[in-house]
Amino acid sequence: MNRNILRCNFNRGSISVMLAVSSFFILACAAISTDVGWMYYNQRLLQAAVDAAATAGAQKLYTSTTATVTSNVNLYAAKYSGGVTSYNTLPSNVTVNQPTITWHKYNSVPLTYTSPPNVSGYNAIDVKQTATVPLYFGRLLGQNSVSIAATASASAGGGSSVPVNVAIILDTTGSMGSADSHCGSVPGVSGTPTRLQCAKYGAQVLLQQLTAAGDNVSLFVFPPAASNYPSNPTCSFYTSLSSANYANTGVFDQITSFVSSSSYWNSSGKALSTSSILSLALGVQNSNCSGLNNPGGRGTYLAETIVSAQKAFPKNSQQNVIILLTDGAANSGNVNSSYVLTSGAAINQCQQTVSAANYAKSAGTLVYVIAYGATNNQSDCSSDSTTITSNLATGFNGVSIGTTITPCIELYTAAGNAGTSGTIGSGSNLSTYFYSDNANGCAASSSNTASSVTSLFQNIGEALQSSRLIPTPSSTIVIN
């Protein structure tokens, strides 16, 4: 009996020792798991911040200096000691270092790195950021912290999920022959360029921003051409273009077919092809063609050309985009009175611009407007009633029936997307689609206003081609 009691006591002692040892290991595993989870939690926060920083920085590569790109990177990277206010933060006891940037020039990225038109001279970046994460239980084993690192690479373009069909509508009225000292130099043009030469060069800059992955572009003009473009247009067709009255049989707003990006880029993928019909029409340097002339003589009537562009879009699943450049003074005396979008003769032409834009927007088309010298003068909408006469005009920053219409109001309210169709000015997103040189007091938002029309085309191109992440080295955790 005593032996059994001794044996039982011995077993109890063995179990106690085993329990104590196993408890230690269980607690150690729990402690290690806690620290490992803490490390990887911070690693994911850091990686998310660096992804955002690389994307935000790459978004500015085409239109901004390297200093601006760096500022954008710092704004979205994980907040570091002594750094600027950031949208992304790690826990307060984690020490974060300033991000580093590596700059790249890739031929495979849709947006060229050539400066100009690329301001920074680069079209991709790598962003790397490191941090030191303190451990809670590791210090019991002499391990006080771990170093973590995250890296992300982003390109300046190629981020659009759906290719676009772009209808560029250019003003070729007589006023486009006047000089514009604000747009800077235009390749191949000596002296101060004309407004039309600035607009054509701006359209070239836009083309260089569109990806070589299925985008299609066509040119439209107002006043309309007196003859249709031939199947293989030559330079002389564009340099000697003659105009016709609006809205008559046998006149043509469209002067090129929709041309795919694979046709208007050259084989190197870094410049516009000098043999493309778009290059001929826009007067691309070395194409041996000065491009579109401005026959003028017919005044401005925008509604017809907007509707023509909408009807001409290819029947595919791509996003349709209209880019309209004009001063908005729609008051032509050369409009067929039977062709109007509202009842009556060719009156209320500025309001008809909005009606035509709403027609396009209701079909899902994005309408970008560049107000080029637009005014706030009602006299420049002389075909319109002094005040807005229909519900086409309600909603523009409180504008209602009875409000004076001007070219600035006309163009601001024509811009937008399907969410703004049917009203004037409803929706805060209108400022996203309205751009202006503010030459005559018609201002857009600060980010969409520039004295150079070339810069405005650049900004629209940037909006159409967002930055994207590209393959990059994996993130790391290093034990000190």
Protein backbone atom coordinates (compact mmCIF):
# COMPACT_ATOMS: atom_id res chain seq x y z
CA MET A 1 0.00 0.00 0.00
CA ASN A 2 2.78 2.44 0.86
CA ARG A 3 4.52 1.64 -2.39
CA ASN A 4 1.42 2.59 -4.33
CA ILE A 5 1.21 5.87 -2.50
CA LEU A 6 4.85 6.61 -3.28
CA ARG A 7 4.36 5.71 -6.93
CA CYS A 8 1.34 8.01 -7.11
CA ASN A 9 3.26 10.90 -5.57
CA PHE A 10 6.13 10.35 -7.98
CA ASN A 11 3.74 10.49 -10.94
CA ARG A 12 2.25 13.68 -9.61
CA GLY A 13 5.69 15.27 -9.47
CA SER A 14 6.49 14.20 -13.02
CA ILE A 15 3.25 15.68 -14.34
CA SER A 16 3.92 18.95 -12.54
CA VAL A 17 7.36 19.24 -14.13
CA MET A 18 5.96 18.41 -17.58
CA LEU A 19 3.13 20.88 -17.13
CA ALA A 20 5.54 23.62 -16.09
CA VAL A 21 7.83 22.93 -19.06
CA SER A 22 4.97 22.72 -21.58
CA SER A 23 3.38 25.87 -20.18
CA PHE A 24 6.63 27.71 -20.74
CA PHE A 25 6.75 26.59 -24.36
CA ILE A 26 3.08 27.41 -24.90
CA LEU A 27 3.57 30.89 -23.51
CA ALA A 28 6.75 31.32 -25.55
CA CYS A 29 4.90 30.29 -28.73
CA ALA A 30 2.08 32.69 -27.90
CA ALA A 31 4.59 35.47 -27.31
CA ILE A 32 6.40 34.77 -30.56
CA SER A 33 3.09 34.60 -32.43
CA THR A 34 2.10 37.96 -30.98
CA ASP A 35 5.35 39.58 -32.08
CA VAL A 36 5.23 37.95 -35.54
CA GLY A 37 1.65 39.13 -36.04
CA TRP A 38 2.68 42.61 -34.91
CA MET A 39 5.57 42.60 -37.41
CA TYR A 40 3.42 41.55 -40.34
CA TYR A 41 0.65 43.97 -39.39
CA ASN A 42 3.10 46.85 -39.67
CA GLN A 43 4.60 45.35 -42.81
CA ARG A 44 1.20 45.45 -44.55
CA LEU A 45 0.57 49.01 -43.38
CA LEU A 46 3.96 50.07 -44.74
CA GLN A 47 3.41 48.27 -48.05
CA ALA A 48 0.01 49.87 -48.53
CA ALA A 49 1.50 53.31 -47.88
CA VAL A 50 4.38 52.73 -50.30
CA ASP A 51 1.97 51.46 -52.99
CA ALA A 52 -0.06 54.64 -52.60
CA ALA A 53 3.08 56.80 -52.63
CA ALA A 54 4.43 55.23 -55.83
CA THR A 55 1.09 55.56 -57.61
CA ALA A 56 0.62 59.18 -56.48
CA GLY A 57 4.15 60.11 -57.51
CA ALA A 58 3.90 58.43 -60.91
CA GLN A 59 0.65 60.30 -61.56
CA LYS A 60 2.65 63.55 -61.64
CA LEU A 61 5.63 62.36 -63.71
CA TYR A 62 4.29 63.60 -67.03
CA THR A 63 3.14 67.08 -66.05
CA SER A 64 5.35 68.04 -63.09
CA THR A 65 8.95 68.43 -62.00
CA THR A 66 10.80 65.80 -59.98
CA ALA A 67 10.41 68.05 -56.93
CA THR A 68 6.61 67.92 -57.24
CA VAL A 69 6.73 64.16 -57.76
CA THR A 70 8.83 63.82 -54.61
CA SER A 71 6.35 65.93 -52.63
CA ASN A 72 3.51 63.72 -53.80
CA VAL A 73 5.43 60.59 -52.79
CA ASN A 74 6.10 62.00 -49.31
CA LEU A 75 2.45 62.98 -48.93
CA TYR A 76 1.23 59.41 -49.40
CA ALA A 77 4.15 57.46 -47.90
CA ALA A 78 4.04 56.39 -44.26
CA LYS A 79 4.58 59.45 -42.07
CA TYR A 80 8.20 59.63 -40.96
CA SER A 81 9.96 61.65 -38.30
CA GLY A 82 10.39 65.24 -39.46
CA GLY A 83 8.29 64.60 -42.55
CA VAL A 84 5.26 66.38 -43.90
CA THR A 85 1.72 65.52 -42.91
CA SER A 86 0.85 62.23 -44.56
CA TYR A 87 -2.35 60.46 -45.45
CA ASN A 88 -0.84 57.21 -44.10
CA THR A 89 0.54 56.51 -40.64
CA LEU A 90 1.97 53.58 -38.70
CA PRO A 91 1.58 53.06 -34.92
CA SER A 92 3.30 55.79 -32.93
CA ASN A 93 5.97 53.50 -31.46
CA VAL A 94 7.18 52.43 -34.92
CA THR A 95 10.13 54.46 -36.24
CA VAL A 96 9.61 55.23 -39.94
CA ASN A 97 12.31 56.51 -42.28
CA GLN A 98 11.93 58.88 -45.21
CA PRO A 99 11.17 57.09 -48.51
CA THR A 100 13.75 56.92 -51.28
CA ILE A 101 12.92 57.24 -54.97
CA THR A 102 14.62 55.62 -57.95
CA TRP A 103 13.80 57.22 -61.31
CA HIS A 104 13.33 55.27 -64.56
CA LYS A 105 12.96 55.77 -68.32
CA TYR A 106 11.12 52.77 -69.78
CA ASN A 107 10.30 52.25 -73.45
CA SER A 108 7.49 49.89 -72.44
CA VAL A 109 5.50 52.59 -70.59
CA PRO A 110 2.78 54.32 -72.71
CA LEU A 111 3.72 57.86 -71.66
CA THR A 112 6.99 59.00 -73.17
CA TYR A 113 9.87 60.09 -70.93
CA THR A 114 11.15 62.57 -73.53
CA SER A 115 11.15 66.16 -72.28
CA PRO A 116 9.23 67.97 -73.64
CA PRO A 117 6.40 67.05 -73.48
CA ASN A 118 7.25 65.01 -70.36
CA VAL A 119 8.15 67.58 -67.70
CA SER A 120 10.05 65.36 -65.25
CA GLY A 121 11.98 63.44 -67.91
CA TYR A 122 10.99 60.07 -66.37
CA ASN A 123 8.01 57.77 -66.80
CA ALA A 124 8.36 55.34 -63.89
CA ILE A 125 9.62 55.31 -60.30
CA ASP A 126 10.52 52.89 -57.52
CA VAL A 127 9.67 53.96 -53.98
CA LYS A 128 11.27 52.24 -50.98
CA GLN A 129 10.61 52.94 -47.32
CA THR A 130 11.94 51.27 -44.19
CA ALA A 131 10.83 51.22 -40.56
CA THR A 132 11.89 49.77 -37.20
CA VAL A 133 9.21 47.86 -35.28
CA PRO A 134 9.69 47.32 -31.50
CA LEU A 135 8.96 43.84 -30.13
CA TYR A 136 7.02 43.14 -26.96
CA PHE A 137 8.22 39.67 -26.01
CA GLY A 138 11.26 39.29 -28.23
CA ARG A 139 13.24 41.56 -25.90
CA LEU A 140 13.08 38.77 -23.28
CA LEU A 141 15.28 36.81 -25.69
CA GLY A 142 17.49 39.80 -26.46
CA GLN A 143 15.63 40.80 -29.67
CA ASN A 144 14.35 44.34 -29.14
CA SER A 145 13.14 45.19 -32.67
CA VAL A 146 12.97 44.20 -36.32
CA SER A 147 13.51 46.23 -39.48
CA ILE A 148 10.87 46.11 -42.19
CA ALA A 149 11.01 47.44 -45.76
CA ALA A 150 8.50 47.90 -48.55
CA THR A 151 9.11 48.69 -52.22
CA ALA A 152 6.68 49.60 -54.98
CA SER A 153 7.15 50.56 -58.62
CA ALA A 154 4.67 52.57 -60.69
CA SER A 155 4.51 53.82 -64.27
CA ALA A 156 3.12 57.14 -65.41
CA GLY A 157 0.47 55.62 -67.67
CA GLY A 158 -1.38 52.50 -68.68
CA GLY A 159 -3.65 52.43 -65.68
CA SER A 160 -6.93 52.93 -67.54
CA SER A 161 -8.93 49.73 -67.30
CA VAL A 162 -10.82 50.40 -70.55
CA PRO A 163 -9.31 51.87 -73.76
CA VAL A 164 -10.91 55.06 -75.04
CA ASN A 165 -12.42 56.38 -78.25
CA VAL A 166 -11.52 60.08 -78.37
CA ALA A 167 -13.19 62.68 -80.59
CA ILE A 168 -11.11 65.89 -80.59
CA ILE A 169 -13.15 68.88 -81.74
CA LEU A 170 -11.00 71.84 -82.83
CA ASP A 171 -12.08 75.38 -83.57
CA THR A 172 -10.99 76.41 -87.10
CA THR A 173 -12.89 79.70 -87.22
CA GLY A 174 -11.14 82.87 -88.32
CA SER A 175 -10.22 83.95 -84.77
CA MET A 176 -7.92 80.94 -84.45
CA GLY A 177 -5.52 82.66 -86.84
CA SER A 178 -4.56 85.26 -84.22
CA ALA A 179 -1.30 84.91 -82.27
CA ASP A 180 -1.05 83.29 -78.84
CA SER A 181 2.08 84.17 -76.89
CA HIS A 182 1.10 82.01 -73.90
CA CYS A 183 1.45 78.52 -75.32
CA GLY A 184 5.23 78.70 -75.73
CA SER A 185 7.16 77.35 -78.68
CA VAL A 186 5.60 74.93 -81.14
CA PRO A 187 7.98 72.53 -82.93
CA GLY A 188 8.39 73.50 -86.56
CA VAL A 189 6.86 76.96 -86.07
CA SER A 190 9.07 80.05 -86.04
CA GLY A 191 7.97 83.13 -84.17
CA THR A 192 4.79 83.43 -82.12
CA PRO A 193 2.41 80.58 -82.98
CA THR A 194 -1.23 81.14 -83.83
CA ARG A 195 -4.03 79.90 -81.63
CA LEU A 196 -4.72 77.09 -84.10
CA GLN A 197 -1.05 76.04 -84.15
CA CYS A 198 -1.10 75.96 -80.33
CA ALA A 199 -4.28 73.87 -80.37
CA LYS A 200 -2.84 71.42 -82.92
CA TYR A 201 0.33 71.00 -80.86
CA GLY A 202 -1.75 70.51 -77.73
CA ALA A 203 -3.61 67.71 -79.50
CA GLN A 204 -0.25 66.14 -80.40
CA VAL A 205 0.75 66.19 -76.73
CA LEU A 206 -2.54 64.48 -75.87
CA LEU A 207 -1.88 61.74 -78.43
CA GLN A 208 1.52 61.05 -76.91
CA GLN A 209 -0.15 60.38 -73.58
CA LEU A 210 -2.63 57.81 -74.81
CA THR A 211 -1.65 54.18 -74.45
CA ALA A 212 -0.75 51.93 -77.38
CA ALA A 213 -3.32 49.42 -76.15
CA GLY A 214 -6.38 50.07 -78.25
CA ASP A 215 -7.20 53.79 -77.99
CA ASN A 216 -8.83 55.31 -81.08
CA VAL A 217 -8.74 59.01 -82.00
CA SER A 218 -10.54 61.10 -84.63
CA LEU A 219 -10.54 64.82 -85.45
CA PHE A 220 -13.62 66.99 -85.93
CA VAL A 221 -13.73 70.68 -86.84
CA PHE A 222 -16.14 73.58 -86.91
CA PRO A 223 -17.14 75.14 -89.18
CA PRO A 224 -17.67 71.92 -91.14
CA ALA A 225 -15.56 71.03 -94.16
CA ALA A 226 -17.07 71.38 -97.61
CA SER A 227 -15.87 67.91 -98.64
CA ASN A 228 -15.49 64.55 -96.95
CA TYR A 229 -12.04 63.25 -96.15
CA PRO A 230 -10.74 60.80 -98.78
CA SER A 231 -9.79 57.22 -97.92
CA ASN A 232 -6.11 58.19 -98.03
CA PRO A 233 -5.93 61.91 -97.26
CA THR A 234 -2.86 63.83 -98.33
CA CYS A 235 -1.35 66.93 -96.78
CA SER A 236 -3.06 69.22 -99.29
CA PHE A 237 -6.51 68.11 -98.15
CA TYR A 238 -5.86 69.59 -94.70
CA THR A 239 -3.86 72.66 -95.65
CA SER A 240 -6.48 73.77 -98.18
CA LEU A 241 -9.59 72.79 -96.22
CA SER A 242 -12.59 74.91 -97.15
CA SER A 243 -15.62 75.45 -94.94
CA ALA A 244 -19.35 75.30 -95.53
CA ASN A 245 -22.46 76.54 -93.77
CA TYR A 246 -23.58 74.52 -90.78
CA ALA A 247 -26.24 71.82 -90.91
CA ASN A 248 -26.52 71.44 -94.65
CA THR A 249 -26.45 68.27 -96.73
CA GLY A 250 -22.98 67.47 -98.01
CA VAL A 251 -20.93 69.12 -95.25
CA PHE A 252 -18.59 67.23 -92.96
CA ASP A 253 -17.50 67.82 -89.37
CA GLN A 254 -15.27 64.73 -89.18
CA ILE A 255 -11.98 65.10 -91.04
CA THR A 256 -10.20 61.85 -90.11
CA SER A 257 -11.39 58.35 -89.45
CA PHE A 258 -10.93 56.91 -85.97
CA VAL A 259 -7.25 55.96 -85.95
CA SER A 260 -5.91 53.32 -83.55
CA SER A 261 -2.94 54.09 -81.36
CA SER A 262 -0.92 51.38 -83.12
CA SER A 263 -1.22 53.51 -86.27
CA TYR A 264 -0.41 56.95 -84.89
CA TRP A 265 2.60 55.79 -82.84
CA ASN A 266 5.80 54.97 -84.71
CA SER A 267 7.47 51.58 -84.45
CA SER A 268 9.68 52.67 -81.54
CA GLY A 269 6.63 53.53 -79.47
CA LYS A 270 8.20 56.83 -78.37
CA ALA A 271 6.91 59.35 -80.93
CA LEU A 272 4.03 60.02 -83.28
CA SER A 273 4.25 58.45 -86.69
CA THR A 274 4.86 61.15 -89.27
CA SER A 275 2.88 59.19 -91.88
CA SER A 276 -0.36 58.93 -89.87
CA ILE A 277 -3.34 60.97 -91.11
CA LEU A 278 -3.57 62.43 -87.60
CA SER A 279 0.02 63.66 -87.94
CA LEU A 280 -0.80 65.24 -91.29
CA ALA A 281 -3.91 66.95 -89.91
CA LEU A 282 -2.13 68.21 -86.78
CA GLY A 283 1.09 69.26 -88.52
CA VAL A 284 3.44 66.98 -86.59
CA GLN A 285 7.06 68.05 -87.02
CA ASN A 286 8.88 66.10 -89.79
CA SER A 287 5.58 65.08 -91.37
CA ASN A 288 6.27 67.72 -94.05
CA CYS A 289 2.77 69.05 -93.52
CA SER A 290 1.66 72.16 -91.64
CA GLY A 291 -1.70 70.60 -90.89
CA LEU A 292 -5.16 72.09 -90.64
CA ASN A 293 -5.76 75.62 -91.82
CA ASN A 294 -8.51 77.81 -90.42
CA PRO A 295 -10.88 78.70 -93.25
CA GLY A 296 -13.29 80.52 -90.92
CA GLY A 297 -16.01 82.72 -92.36
CA ARG A 298 -18.95 80.80 -90.87
CA GLY A 299 -18.94 81.70 -87.18
CA THR A 300 -19.37 79.20 -84.34
CA TYR A 301 -22.20 76.68 -83.94
CA LEU A 302 -21.12 73.86 -81.64
CA ALA A 303 -24.25 71.73 -81.31
CA GLU A 304 -24.01 70.12 -84.73
CA THR A 305 -20.37 69.07 -84.32
CA ILE A 306 -20.93 67.60 -80.84
CA VAL A 307 -23.85 65.53 -82.12
CA SER A 308 -21.83 64.43 -85.18
CA ALA A 309 -18.97 63.27 -82.96
CA GLN A 310 -21.31 61.30 -80.71
CA LYS A 311 -22.91 59.55 -83.67
CA ALA A 312 -19.52 58.72 -85.24
CA PHE A 313 -18.06 56.79 -82.30
CA PRO A 314 -17.11 53.18 -83.10
CA LYS A 315 -19.59 50.58 -81.90
CA ASN A 316 -17.39 48.91 -79.31
CA SER A 317 -17.21 48.56 -75.54
CA GLN A 318 -14.61 51.30 -75.06
CA GLN A 319 -15.18 54.53 -73.17
CA ASN A 320 -16.18 57.39 -75.50
CA VAL A 321 -14.62 60.79 -74.83
CA ILE A 322 -15.24 64.17 -76.48
CA ILE A 323 -12.61 66.90 -76.05
CA LEU A 324 -13.98 70.26 -77.22
CA LEU A 325 -11.73 73.31 -77.66
CA THR A 326 -13.53 76.60 -78.30
CA ASP A 327 -14.15 80.12 -77.05
CA GLY A 328 -17.84 79.21 -76.88
CA ALA A 329 -19.16 82.27 -78.70
CA ALA A 330 -21.90 80.33 -80.50
CA ASN A 331 -23.62 82.93 -82.62
CA SER A 332 -23.26 81.85 -86.24
CA GLY A 333 -25.40 83.43 -88.90
CA ASN A 334 -24.74 80.49 -91.21
CA VAL A 335 -26.89 77.72 -89.71
CA ASN A 336 -29.59 75.89 -91.62
CA SER A 337 -32.65 76.91 -89.65
CA SER A 338 -34.23 73.47 -90.03
CA TYR A 339 -31.43 71.86 -88.01
CA VAL A 340 -31.81 72.82 -84.39
CA LEU A 341 -31.99 70.89 -81.16
CA THR A 342 -34.77 73.06 -79.79
CA SER A 343 -37.85 74.35 -81.55
CA GLY A 344 -37.68 77.43 -83.72
CA ALA A 345 -35.00 78.89 -85.95
CA ALA A 346 -31.26 78.84 -85.25
CA ILE A 347 -31.56 80.70 -81.97
CA ASN A 348 -30.27 80.01 -78.47
CA GLN A 349 -27.11 78.53 -79.96
CA CYS A 350 -25.19 78.63 -76.67
CA GLN A 351 -27.98 76.74 -74.95
CA GLN A 352 -28.04 74.28 -77.84
CA THR A 353 -24.37 73.52 -77.08
CA VAL A 354 -25.45 72.33 -73.65
CA SER A 355 -28.33 70.34 -75.12
CA ALA A 356 -25.95 68.58 -77.54
CA ALA A 357 -23.47 67.86 -74.75
CA ASN A 358 -26.27 66.42 -72.62
CA TYR A 359 -27.19 64.17 -75.55
CA ALA A 360 -23.63 62.83 -75.59
CA LYS A 361 -23.39 62.53 -71.80
CA SER A 362 -26.68 60.64 -71.60
CA ALA A 363 -25.04 57.99 -73.81
CA GLY A 364 -22.20 57.63 -71.29
CA THR A 365 -19.69 59.85 -73.09
CA LEU A 366 -17.24 61.93 -71.05
CA VAL A 367 -17.24 65.52 -72.29
CA TYR A 368 -14.06 67.52 -71.61
CA VAL A 369 -14.17 71.21 -72.52
CA ILE A 370 -11.22 73.57 -72.98
CA ALA A 371 -12.45 77.16 -72.81
CA TYR A 372 -9.94 78.94 -75.02
CA GLY A 373 -10.43 82.67 -74.56
CA ALA A 374 -14.05 82.31 -73.40
CA THR A 375 -15.71 85.39 -71.93
CA ASN A 376 -18.43 86.18 -69.42
CA ASN A 377 -20.12 88.52 -71.89
CA GLN A 378 -23.73 87.83 -72.78
CA SER A 379 -23.16 89.63 -76.09
CA ASP A 380 -20.98 86.70 -77.19
CA CYS A 381 -24.08 84.50 -77.00
CA SER A 382 -26.02 86.97 -79.13
CA SER A 383 -28.25 84.32 -80.71
CA ASP A 384 -29.60 83.45 -77.27
CA SER A 385 -32.27 85.19 -75.29
CA THR A 386 -30.72 87.50 -72.75
CA THR A 387 -31.67 85.02 -70.07
CA ILE A 388 -31.85 81.24 -69.91
CA THR A 389 -35.21 80.10 -71.23
CA SER A 390 -35.54 76.42 -70.45
CA ASN A 391 -34.76 73.82 -67.83
CA LEU A 392 -31.65 72.94 -69.84
CA ALA A 393 -30.08 75.69 -67.79
CA THR A 394 -31.13 74.90 -64.25
CA GLY A 395 -28.71 73.76 -61.62
CA PHE A 396 -25.50 75.59 -62.55
CA ASN A 397 -24.25 76.74 -59.13
CA GLY A 398 -27.78 77.90 -58.41
CA VAL A 399 -28.39 79.12 -61.97
CA SER A 400 -32.06 78.98 -62.85
CA ILE A 401 -34.39 80.09 -65.62
CA GLY A 402 -33.93 83.81 -66.04
CA THR A 403 -30.15 83.80 -65.54
CA THR A 404 -27.98 85.51 -68.15
CA ILE A 405 -26.13 83.00 -70.32
CA THR A 406 -22.53 83.62 -71.38
CA PRO A 407 -19.94 81.51 -73.20
CA CYS A 408 -18.31 80.69 -69.84
CA ILE A 409 -21.58 79.36 -68.39
CA GLU A 410 -22.30 77.54 -71.67
CA LEU A 411 -18.97 75.69 -71.70
CA TYR A 412 -18.74 75.04 -67.97
CA THR A 413 -22.14 73.41 -68.04
CA ALA A 414 -21.51 71.42 -71.21
CA ALA A 415 -18.62 69.60 -69.50
CA GLY A 416 -19.24 66.48 -67.45
CA ASN A 417 -20.36 62.87 -67.57
CA ALA A 418 -23.60 60.90 -67.49
CA GLY A 419 -24.19 61.97 -63.90
CA THR A 420 -24.67 65.56 -65.09
CA SER A 421 -26.74 64.87 -68.19
CA GLY A 422 -29.96 66.83 -68.51
CA THR A 423 -29.05 69.73 -66.24
CA ILE A 424 -26.60 72.58 -66.24
CA GLY A 425 -23.96 72.50 -63.60
CA SER A 426 -25.37 69.87 -61.30
CA GLY A 427 -22.79 67.71 -59.59
CA SER A 428 -19.42 68.67 -58.16
CA ASN A 429 -17.63 66.55 -60.74
CA LEU A 430 -18.13 69.19 -63.41
CA SER A 431 -14.91 70.91 -62.42
CA THR A 432 -13.07 67.69 -63.26
CA TYR A 433 -14.02 68.01 -66.92
CA PHE A 434 -13.84 71.78 -67.44
CA TYR A 435 -10.50 73.43 -68.32
CA SER A 436 -9.71 77.03 -69.17
CA ASP A 437 -6.87 79.35 -70.11
CA ASN A 438 -8.70 82.10 -68.15
CA ALA A 439 -7.64 84.64 -70.76
CA ASN A 440 -10.86 86.62 -70.41
CA GLY A 441 -12.02 85.95 -66.87
CA CYS A 442 -13.56 82.50 -67.40
CA ALA A 443 -11.73 80.43 -64.78
CA ALA A 444 -11.81 76.72 -64.11
CA SER A 445 -10.62 75.13 -60.86
CA SER A 446 -7.02 76.01 -60.03
CA SER A 447 -5.73 72.60 -61.14
CA ASN A 448 -7.59 72.89 -64.46
CA THR A 449 -6.51 76.44 -65.30
CA ALA A 450 -3.34 77.24 -67.27
CA SER A 451 -2.42 80.04 -69.67
CA SER A 452 -0.96 77.51 -72.10
CA VAL A 453 -3.47 75.44 -74.06
CA THR A 454 -0.77 72.79 -74.45
CA SER A 455 -0.71 72.35 -70.67
CA LEU A 456 -4.49 71.92 -70.65
CA PHE A 457 -4.27 69.10 -73.20
CA GLN A 458 -1.51 67.56 -71.07
CA ASN A 459 -3.73 67.59 -68.01
CA ILE A 460 -6.61 65.94 -69.86
CA GLY A 461 -4.25 63.28 -71.17
CA GLU A 462 -3.07 62.65 -67.63
CA ALA A 463 -6.69 62.29 -66.50
CA LEU A 464 -7.33 59.71 -69.22
CA GLN A 465 -4.17 57.74 -68.47
CA SER A 466 -3.79 57.12 -64.76
CA SER A 467 -0.65 55.71 -63.20
CA ARG A 468 -0.42 52.03 -62.26
CA LEU A 469 1.74 49.70 -60.20
CA ILE A 470 4.20 47.52 -62.10
CA PRO A 471 6.24 44.48 -60.93
CA THR A 472 8.66 45.29 -58.14
CA PRO A 473 10.98 43.45 -55.70
CA SER A 474 9.23 41.83 -52.75
CA SER A 475 9.00 43.50 -49.36
CA THR A 476 11.28 42.35 -46.55
CA ILE A 477 11.49 41.87 -42.80
CA VAL A 478 15.00 41.86 -41.35
CA ILE A 479 15.84 40.79 -37.81
CA ASN A 480 18.46 43.11 -36.32
